[in-house]
C-alpha atoms as a PDB file:
ATOM      1  CA  MET A   1     -35.893 -78.265   6.237  1.00  0.00           C
ATOM      2  CA  VAL A   2     -38.205 -78.225   9.194  1.00  0.00           C
ATOM      3  CA  VAL A   3     -39.538 -81.530  10.172  1.00  0.00           C
ATOM      4  CA  ILE A   4     -42.732 -81.758  12.403  1.00  0.00           C
ATOM      5  CA  ILE A   5     -42.185 -85.103  14.202  1.00  0.00           C
ATOM      6  CA  ASP A   6     -45.060 -87.399  13.575  1.00  0.00           C
ATOM      7  CA  TYR A   7     -45.590 -89.697  16.604  1.00  0.00           C
ATOM      8  CA  GLY A   8     -49.278 -89.999  16.563  1.00  0.00           C
ATOM      9  CA  VAL A   9     -50.317 -87.207  18.914  1.00  0.00           C
ATOM     10  CA  GLY A  10     -50.362 -83.623  17.570  1.00  0.00           C
ATOM     11  CA  ASN A  11     -51.982 -80.854  15.611  1.00  0.00           C
ATOM     12  CA  SER A  12     -49.283 -81.338  12.803  1.00  0.00           C
ATOM     13  CA  THR A  13     -51.339 -80.093   9.852  1.00  0.00           C
ATOM     14  CA  SER A  14     -52.163 -76.724  11.492  1.00  0.00           C
ATOM     15  CA  ILE A  15     -48.472 -76.262  12.437  1.00  0.00           C
ATOM     16  CA  LYS A  16     -47.404 -76.955   8.771  1.00  0.00           C
ATOM     17  CA  ASN A  17     -49.946 -74.454   7.515  1.00  0.00           C
ATOM     18  CA  MET A  18     -48.720 -71.790   9.936  1.00  0.00           C
ATOM     19  CA  LEU A  19     -45.096 -72.469   8.890  1.00  0.00           C
ATOM     20  CA  ARG A  20     -46.090 -71.883   5.350  1.00  0.00           C
ATOM     21  CA  LYS A  21     -47.692 -68.558   6.282  1.00  0.00           C
ATOM     22  CA  ALA A  22     -44.485 -67.632   8.229  1.00  0.00           C
ATOM     23  CA  GLY A  23     -42.347 -68.082   4.970  1.00  0.00           C
ATOM     24  CA  CYS A  24     -41.050 -71.717   5.566  1.00  0.00           C
ATOM     25  CA  ALA A  25     -40.764 -73.301   2.020  1.00  0.00           C
ATOM     26  CA  GLN A  26     -39.652 -76.483   3.261  1.00  0.00           C
ATOM     27  CA  SER A  27     -41.440 -78.417   6.080  1.00  0.00           C
ATOM     28  CA  VAL A  28     -42.669 -81.965   6.383  1.00  0.00           C
ATOM     29  CA  ILE A  29     -44.667 -84.015   8.695  1.00  0.00           C
ATOM     30  CA  SER A  30     -42.575 -87.205   9.252  1.00  0.00           C
ATOM     31  CA  SER A  31     -41.511 -90.066  11.359  1.00  0.00           C
ATOM     32  CA  ASN A  32     -38.813 -91.111   8.876  1.00  0.00           C
ATOM     33  CA  PRO A  33     -35.369 -91.226  10.440  1.00  0.00           C
ATOM     34  CA  ASP A  34     -33.578 -90.116   7.447  1.00  0.00           C
ATOM     35  CA  GLU A  35     -35.665 -86.923   7.223  1.00  0.00           C
ATOM     36  CA  ILE A  36     -35.176 -86.234  10.772  1.00  0.00           C
ATOM     37  CA  SER A  37     -31.469 -86.753  10.412  1.00  0.00           C
ATOM     38  CA  LYS A  38     -31.325 -84.128   7.686  1.00  0.00           C
ATOM     39  CA  ALA A  39     -33.620 -81.606   9.335  1.00  0.00           C
ATOM     40  CA  THR A  40     -32.269 -78.105  10.142  1.00  0.00           C
ATOM     41  CA  LYS A  41     -34.946 -77.633  12.852  1.00  0.00           C
ATOM     42  CA  LEU A  42     -37.484 -79.848  14.543  1.00  0.00           C
ATOM     43  CA  ILE A  43     -40.975 -79.322  15.897  1.00  0.00           C
ATOM     44  CA  LEU A  44     -42.374 -81.717  18.538  1.00  0.00           C
ATOM     45  CA  PRO A  45     -46.167 -81.259  18.617  1.00  0.00           C
ATOM     46  CA  GLY A  46     -48.531 -82.882  21.098  1.00  0.00           C
ATOM     47  CA  VAL A  47     -52.065 -83.168  22.280  1.00  0.00           C
ATOM     48  CA  GLY A  48     -53.123 -85.608  25.150  1.00  0.00           C
ATOM     49  CA  ALA A  49     -51.665 -87.360  28.053  1.00  0.00           C
ATOM     50  CA  PHE A  50     -48.070 -87.372  29.060  1.00  0.00           C
ATOM     51  CA  ASP A  51     -47.541 -91.232  29.296  1.00  0.00           C
ATOM     52  CA  MET A  52     -49.266 -91.742  25.805  1.00  0.00           C
ATOM     53  CA  GLY A  53     -46.913 -89.113  24.290  1.00  0.00           C
ATOM     54  CA  MET A  54     -43.840 -90.872  25.725  1.00  0.00           C
ATOM     55  CA  GLU A  55     -45.090 -94.352  24.826  1.00  0.00           C
ATOM     56  CA  ASN A  56     -45.648 -93.198  21.284  1.00  0.00           C
ATOM     57  CA  LEU A  57     -42.211 -91.704  21.049  1.00  0.00           C
ATOM     58  CA  HIS A  58     -40.576 -94.830  22.255  1.00  0.00           C
ATOM     59  CA  LYS A  59     -42.808 -97.039  19.918  1.00  0.00           C
ATOM     60  CA  SER A  60     -41.661 -94.771  16.969  1.00  0.00           C
ATOM     61  CA  GLY A  61     -38.043 -95.714  17.709  1.00  0.00           C
ATOM     62  CA  LEU A  62     -36.943 -92.078  17.514  1.00  0.00           C
ATOM     63  CA  VAL A  63     -35.916 -91.241  20.991  1.00  0.00           C
ATOM     64  CA  GLU A  64     -32.219 -92.169  20.465  1.00  0.00           C
ATOM     65  CA  LEU A  65     -32.169 -90.370  17.325  1.00  0.00           C
ATOM     66  CA  LEU A  66     -33.696 -87.172  18.858  1.00  0.00           C
ATOM     67  CA  ASN A  67     -31.314 -87.403  21.819  1.00  0.00           C
ATOM     68  CA  ARG A  68     -28.406 -87.319  19.414  1.00  0.00           C
ATOM     69  CA  ARG A  69     -29.778 -84.370  17.239  1.00  0.00           C
ATOM     70  CA  VAL A  70     -30.842 -82.288  20.099  1.00  0.00           C
ATOM     71  CA  LEU A  71     -28.294 -82.873  22.862  1.00  0.00           C
ATOM     72  CA  GLU A  72     -25.160 -83.563  20.752  1.00  0.00           C
ATOM     73  CA  GLU A  73     -25.803 -81.715  17.351  1.00  0.00           C
ATOM     74  CA  LYS A  74     -27.678 -78.863  19.090  1.00  0.00           C
ATOM     75  CA  ILE A  75     -30.413 -78.721  16.443  1.00  0.00           C
ATOM     76  CA  PRO A  76     -32.998 -76.187  17.385  1.00  0.00           C
ATOM     77  CA  ILE A  77     -36.313 -77.974  18.521  1.00  0.00           C
ATOM     78  CA  LEU A  78     -39.584 -76.387  19.489  1.00  0.00           C
ATOM     79  CA  GLY A  79     -41.940 -78.418  21.674  1.00  0.00           C
ATOM     80  CA  ILE A  80     -45.635 -77.480  21.632  1.00  0.00           C
ATOM     81  CA  CYS A  81     -48.243 -78.028  24.379  1.00  0.00           C
ATOM     82  CA  LEU A  82     -47.773 -81.770  25.461  1.00  0.00           C
ATOM     83  CA  GLY A  83     -44.513 -81.619  23.326  1.00  0.00           C
ATOM     84  CA  ALA A  84     -43.161 -78.911  25.583  1.00  0.00           C
ATOM     85  CA  GLN A  85     -44.085 -81.025  28.691  1.00  0.00           C
ATOM     86  CA  LEU A  86     -42.357 -84.069  27.245  1.00  0.00           C
ATOM     87  CA  LEU A  87     -39.082 -82.053  27.229  1.00  0.00           C
ATOM     88  CA  THR A  88     -39.163 -82.180  31.074  1.00  0.00           C
ATOM     89  CA  LYS A  89     -38.035 -85.007  33.394  1.00  0.00           C
ATOM     90  CA  SER A  90     -41.592 -86.233  34.534  1.00  0.00           C
ATOM     91  CA  SER A  91     -45.225 -85.349  34.981  1.00  0.00           C
ATOM     92  CA  GLU A  92     -47.791 -85.700  37.697  1.00  0.00           C
ATOM     93  CA  GLU A  93     -50.006 -86.915  34.848  1.00  0.00           C
ATOM     94  CA  GLY A  94     -48.228 -90.091  34.461  1.00  0.00           C
ATOM     95  CA  THR A  95     -45.413 -92.401  35.643  1.00  0.00           C
ATOM     96  CA  MET A  96     -43.069 -92.698  32.638  1.00  0.00           C
ATOM     97  CA  PRO A  97     -39.882 -90.485  32.560  1.00  0.00           C
ATOM     98  CA  GLY A  98     -39.950 -87.616  30.121  1.00  0.00           C
ATOM     99  CA  LEU A  99     -37.271 -86.795  27.637  1.00  0.00           C
ATOM    100  CA  GLY A 100     -35.315 -84.865  30.484  1.00  0.00           C
ATOM    101  CA  TRP A 101     -33.754 -82.361  28.188  1.00  0.00           C
ATOM    102  CA  VAL A 102     -34.712 -79.479  30.488  1.00  0.00           C
ATOM    103  CA  ASP A 103     -34.474 -79.673  34.263  1.00  0.00           C
ATOM    104  CA  ALA A 104     -38.119 -79.372  35.064  1.00  0.00           C
ATOM    105  CA  THR A 105     -41.115 -81.222  35.964  1.00  0.00           C
ATOM    106  CA  THR A 106     -44.734 -80.924  34.835  1.00  0.00           C
ATOM    107  CA  LEU A 107     -47.415 -80.382  37.725  1.00  0.00           C
ATOM    108  CA  ARG A 108     -51.165 -80.215  37.638  1.00  0.00           C
ATOM    109  CA  PHE A 109     -52.964 -76.953  38.487  1.00  0.00           C
ATOM    110  CA  GLN A 110     -54.112 -77.178  42.162  1.00  0.00           C
ATOM    111  CA  VAL A 111     -57.520 -75.768  43.278  1.00  0.00           C
ATOM    112  CA  ASP A 112     -57.124 -74.408  46.787  1.00  0.00           C
ATOM    113  CA  ASP A 113     -58.765 -71.966  49.194  1.00  0.00           C
ATOM    114  CA  GLU A 114     -57.477 -69.090  47.231  1.00  0.00           C
ATOM    115  CA  ASN A 115     -58.483 -70.403  43.798  1.00  0.00           C
ATOM    116  CA  LYS A 116     -61.829 -72.098  44.644  1.00  0.00           C
ATOM    117  CA  ASN A 117     -63.273 -71.196  41.217  1.00  0.00           C
ATOM    118  CA  LEU A 118     -60.269 -72.081  39.208  1.00  0.00           C
ATOM    119  CA  LYS A 119     -61.353 -73.878  36.005  1.00  0.00           C
ATOM    120  CA  ILE A 120     -59.122 -76.843  34.911  1.00  0.00           C
ATOM    121  CA  PRO A 121     -58.123 -77.213  32.215  1.00  0.00           C
ATOM    122  CA  ASN A 122     -57.143 -73.616  31.547  1.00  0.00           C
ATOM    123  CA  MET A 123     -58.681 -73.059  28.120  1.00  0.00           C
ATOM    124  CA  GLY A 124     -58.598 -69.784  26.119  1.00  0.00           C
ATOM    125  CA  TRP A 125     -56.379 -66.754  25.707  1.00  0.00           C
ATOM    126  CA  CYS A 126     -53.840 -65.579  28.359  1.00  0.00           C
ATOM    127  CA  ASP A 127     -51.603 -62.622  28.365  1.00  0.00           C
ATOM    128  CA  VAL A 128     -47.813 -63.426  28.632  1.00  0.00           C
ATOM    129  CA  SER A 129     -44.954 -61.741  30.406  1.00  0.00           C
ATOM    130  CA  MET A 130     -41.405 -61.841  29.078  1.00  0.00           C
ATOM    131  CA  GLN A 131     -38.798 -63.058  31.440  1.00  0.00           C
ATOM    132  CA  LYS A 132     -35.659 -62.747  29.473  1.00  0.00           C
ATOM    133  CA  GLU A 133     -34.491 -61.694  25.912  1.00  0.00           C
ATOM    134  CA  SER A 134     -34.521 -64.273  23.313  1.00  0.00           C
ATOM    135  CA  ARG A 135     -34.402 -64.672  19.454  1.00  0.00           C
ATOM    136  CA  PHE A 136     -37.741 -66.598  19.758  1.00  0.00           C
ATOM    137  CA  ILE A 137     -39.621 -63.645  20.960  1.00  0.00           C
ATOM    138  CA  LEU A 138     -38.020 -60.948  18.927  1.00  0.00           C
ATOM    139  CA  ASP A 139     -40.516 -58.285  17.809  1.00  0.00           C
ATOM    140  CA  LEU A 140     -43.206 -59.815  20.012  1.00  0.00           C
ATOM    141  CA  PRO A 141     -45.424 -56.925  21.314  1.00  0.00           C
ATOM    142  CA  ALA A 142     -45.683 -56.337  24.975  1.00  0.00           C
ATOM    143  CA  ASP A 143     -49.400 -56.876  24.973  1.00  0.00           C
ATOM    144  CA  SER A 144     -49.069 -60.494  23.379  1.00  0.00           C
ATOM    145  CA  ARG A 145     -51.458 -63.219  24.188  1.00  0.00           C
ATOM    146  CA  PHE A 146     -51.674 -66.863  23.264  1.00  0.00           C
ATOM    147  CA  TYR A 147     -54.217 -69.710  23.203  1.00  0.00           C
ATOM    148  CA  PHE A 148     -53.954 -72.223  25.967  1.00  0.00           C
ATOM    149  CA  VAL A 149     -55.521 -75.697  26.435  1.00  0.00           C
ATOM    150  CA  HIS A 150     -53.989 -77.475  29.391  1.00  0.00           C
ATOM    151  CA  SER A 151     -54.451 -78.868  32.900  1.00  0.00           C
ATOM    152  CA  TYR A 152     -50.665 -79.327  33.698  1.00  0.00           C
ATOM    153  CA  HIS A 153     -47.817 -76.653  33.775  1.00  0.00           C
ATOM    154  CA  ILE A 154     -44.101 -76.838  33.681  1.00  0.00           C
ATOM    155  CA  VAL A 155     -41.948 -75.812  36.680  1.00  0.00           C
ATOM    156  CA  CYS A 156     -38.330 -75.201  35.944  1.00  0.00           C
ATOM    157  CA  ARG A 157     -35.647 -75.897  38.539  1.00  0.00           C
ATOM    158  CA  ASP A 158     -33.422 -73.167  36.912  1.00  0.00           C
ATOM    159  CA  LYS A 159     -35.482 -70.026  36.595  1.00  0.00           C
ATOM    160  CA  ALA A 160     -33.114 -68.994  33.771  1.00  0.00           C
ATOM    161  CA  ASP A 161     -34.942 -71.504  31.547  1.00  0.00           C
ATOM    162  CA  VAL A 162     -38.226 -69.636  31.836  1.00  0.00           C
ATOM    163  CA  LEU A 163     -38.852 -67.421  28.880  1.00  0.00           C
ATOM    164  CA  LEU A 164     -42.546 -66.490  29.247  1.00  0.00           C
ATOM    165  CA  THR A 165     -44.982 -66.583  32.043  1.00  0.00           C
ATOM    166  CA  ALA A 166     -48.804 -66.388  32.134  1.00  0.00           C
ATOM    167  CA  LYS A 167     -51.365 -66.397  35.020  1.00  0.00           C
ATOM    168  CA  HIS A 168     -54.085 -68.830  35.748  1.00  0.00           C
ATOM    169  CA  GLY A 169     -54.732 -68.852  39.491  1.00  0.00           C
ATOM    170  CA  ILE A 170     -51.050 -68.797  39.807  1.00  0.00           C
ATOM    171  CA  THR A 171     -48.205 -67.393  37.778  1.00  0.00           C
ATOM    172  CA  PHE A 172     -47.063 -70.336  35.606  1.00  0.00           C
ATOM    173  CA  THR A 173     -44.445 -71.013  32.946  1.00  0.00           C
ATOM    174  CA  ALA A 174     -45.824 -70.377  29.467  1.00  0.00           C
ATOM    175  CA  ALA A 175     -42.637 -70.989  27.524  1.00  0.00           C
ATOM    176  CA  ILE A 176     -39.059 -72.123  28.227  1.00  0.00           C
ATOM    177  CA  GLU A 177     -35.786 -71.906  26.502  1.00  0.00           C
ATOM    178  CA  LYS A 178     -32.452 -73.713  27.216  1.00  0.00           C
ATOM    179  CA  GLU A 179     -29.906 -73.239  24.411  1.00  0.00           C
ATOM    180  CA  ASN A 180     -31.399 -74.962  21.342  1.00  0.00           C
ATOM    181  CA  ILE A 181     -34.403 -76.199  23.275  1.00  0.00           C
ATOM    182  CA  ILE A 182     -37.680 -74.263  23.261  1.00  0.00           C
ATOM    183  CA  GLY A 183     -40.905 -75.312  24.606  1.00  0.00           C
ATOM    184  CA  ALA A 184     -44.347 -73.429  24.374  1.00  0.00           C
ATOM    185  CA  GLN A 185     -47.145 -74.625  26.662  1.00  0.00           C
ATOM    186  CA  PHE A 186     -49.685 -72.542  24.415  1.00  0.00           C
ATOM    187  CA  HIS A 187     -50.564 -73.269  20.901  1.00  0.00           C
ATOM    188  CA  PRO A 188     -48.763 -70.733  18.561  1.00  0.00           C
ATOM    189  CA  GLU A 189     -50.465 -72.292  15.551  1.00  0.00           C
ATOM    190  CA  LYS A 190     -53.833 -71.111  17.043  1.00  0.00           C
ATOM    191  CA  SER A 191     -52.600 -67.833  18.325  1.00  0.00           C
ATOM    192  CA  HIS A 192     -53.128 -65.676  15.181  1.00  0.00           C
ATOM    193  CA  LYS A 193     -50.573 -62.810  14.668  1.00  0.00           C
ATOM    194  CA  PHE A 194     -48.604 -63.582  17.939  1.00  0.00           C
ATOM    195  CA  GLY A 195     -47.983 -67.243  17.054  1.00  0.00           C
ATOM    196  CA  LEU A 196     -47.152 -66.162  13.494  1.00  0.00           C
ATOM    197  CA  THR A 197     -44.399 -63.942  14.852  1.00  0.00           C
ATOM    198  CA  LEU A 198     -42.883 -66.875  16.980  1.00  0.00           C
ATOM    199  CA  PHE A 199     -42.937 -69.158  13.862  1.00  0.00           C
ATOM    200  CA  LYS A 200     -41.113 -66.441  11.915  1.00  0.00           C
ATOM    201  CA  ASN A 201     -38.481 -66.103  14.566  1.00  0.00           C
ATOM    202  CA  PHE A 202     -37.996 -69.878  14.916  1.00  0.00           C
ATOM    203  CA  ILE A 203     -37.495 -70.216  11.130  1.00  0.00           C
ATOM    204  CA  SER A 204     -35.253 -67.133  10.682  1.00  0.00           C
ATOM    205  CA  ASN A 205     -33.259 -66.702  13.970  1.00  0.00           C
ATOM    206  CA  TYR A 206     -32.121 -70.231  14.676  1.00  0.00           C
END
């Protein structure tokens, strides 16, 4: 069973609908510790500010359980948008520490002399480039593109954790993967056939 973690910030219904289209017969939106404990896969959605996301996670009482499931039991987890940023150690958007499951930080896009007309947030479709092989991007076409809405981007200290990159003024990390932990800065649930491929891979290959 796939559990979409309900902590008050996220586009959970759209994700559940996309999972159904991808062939997932059992998925629930839940903050119930019993269901999370029994899940075979987890999805951490998220829309909004970094500190709000972390505050809501702590208020839910789920952080210790998630640490155990992800770090000790190695259950596959997919973070989406803010959910991906929460996987990092910190963000320039706030002061609270993140989950810290990936050795990375989240930084704001910078407007400088070379990018005077850079629009923040980055909103719309961006092409992606694959940086390593992964079960998550199996059968993904070379011309794949995804829908983004974000003002901050993940910077990994270990380049081996970078799965996909995209460009908005600079080349930035669009997706990360470290062992059982996956993060997508874009919204696969809004990315049509390309996002559907990723959900199918997450369901079938992990």
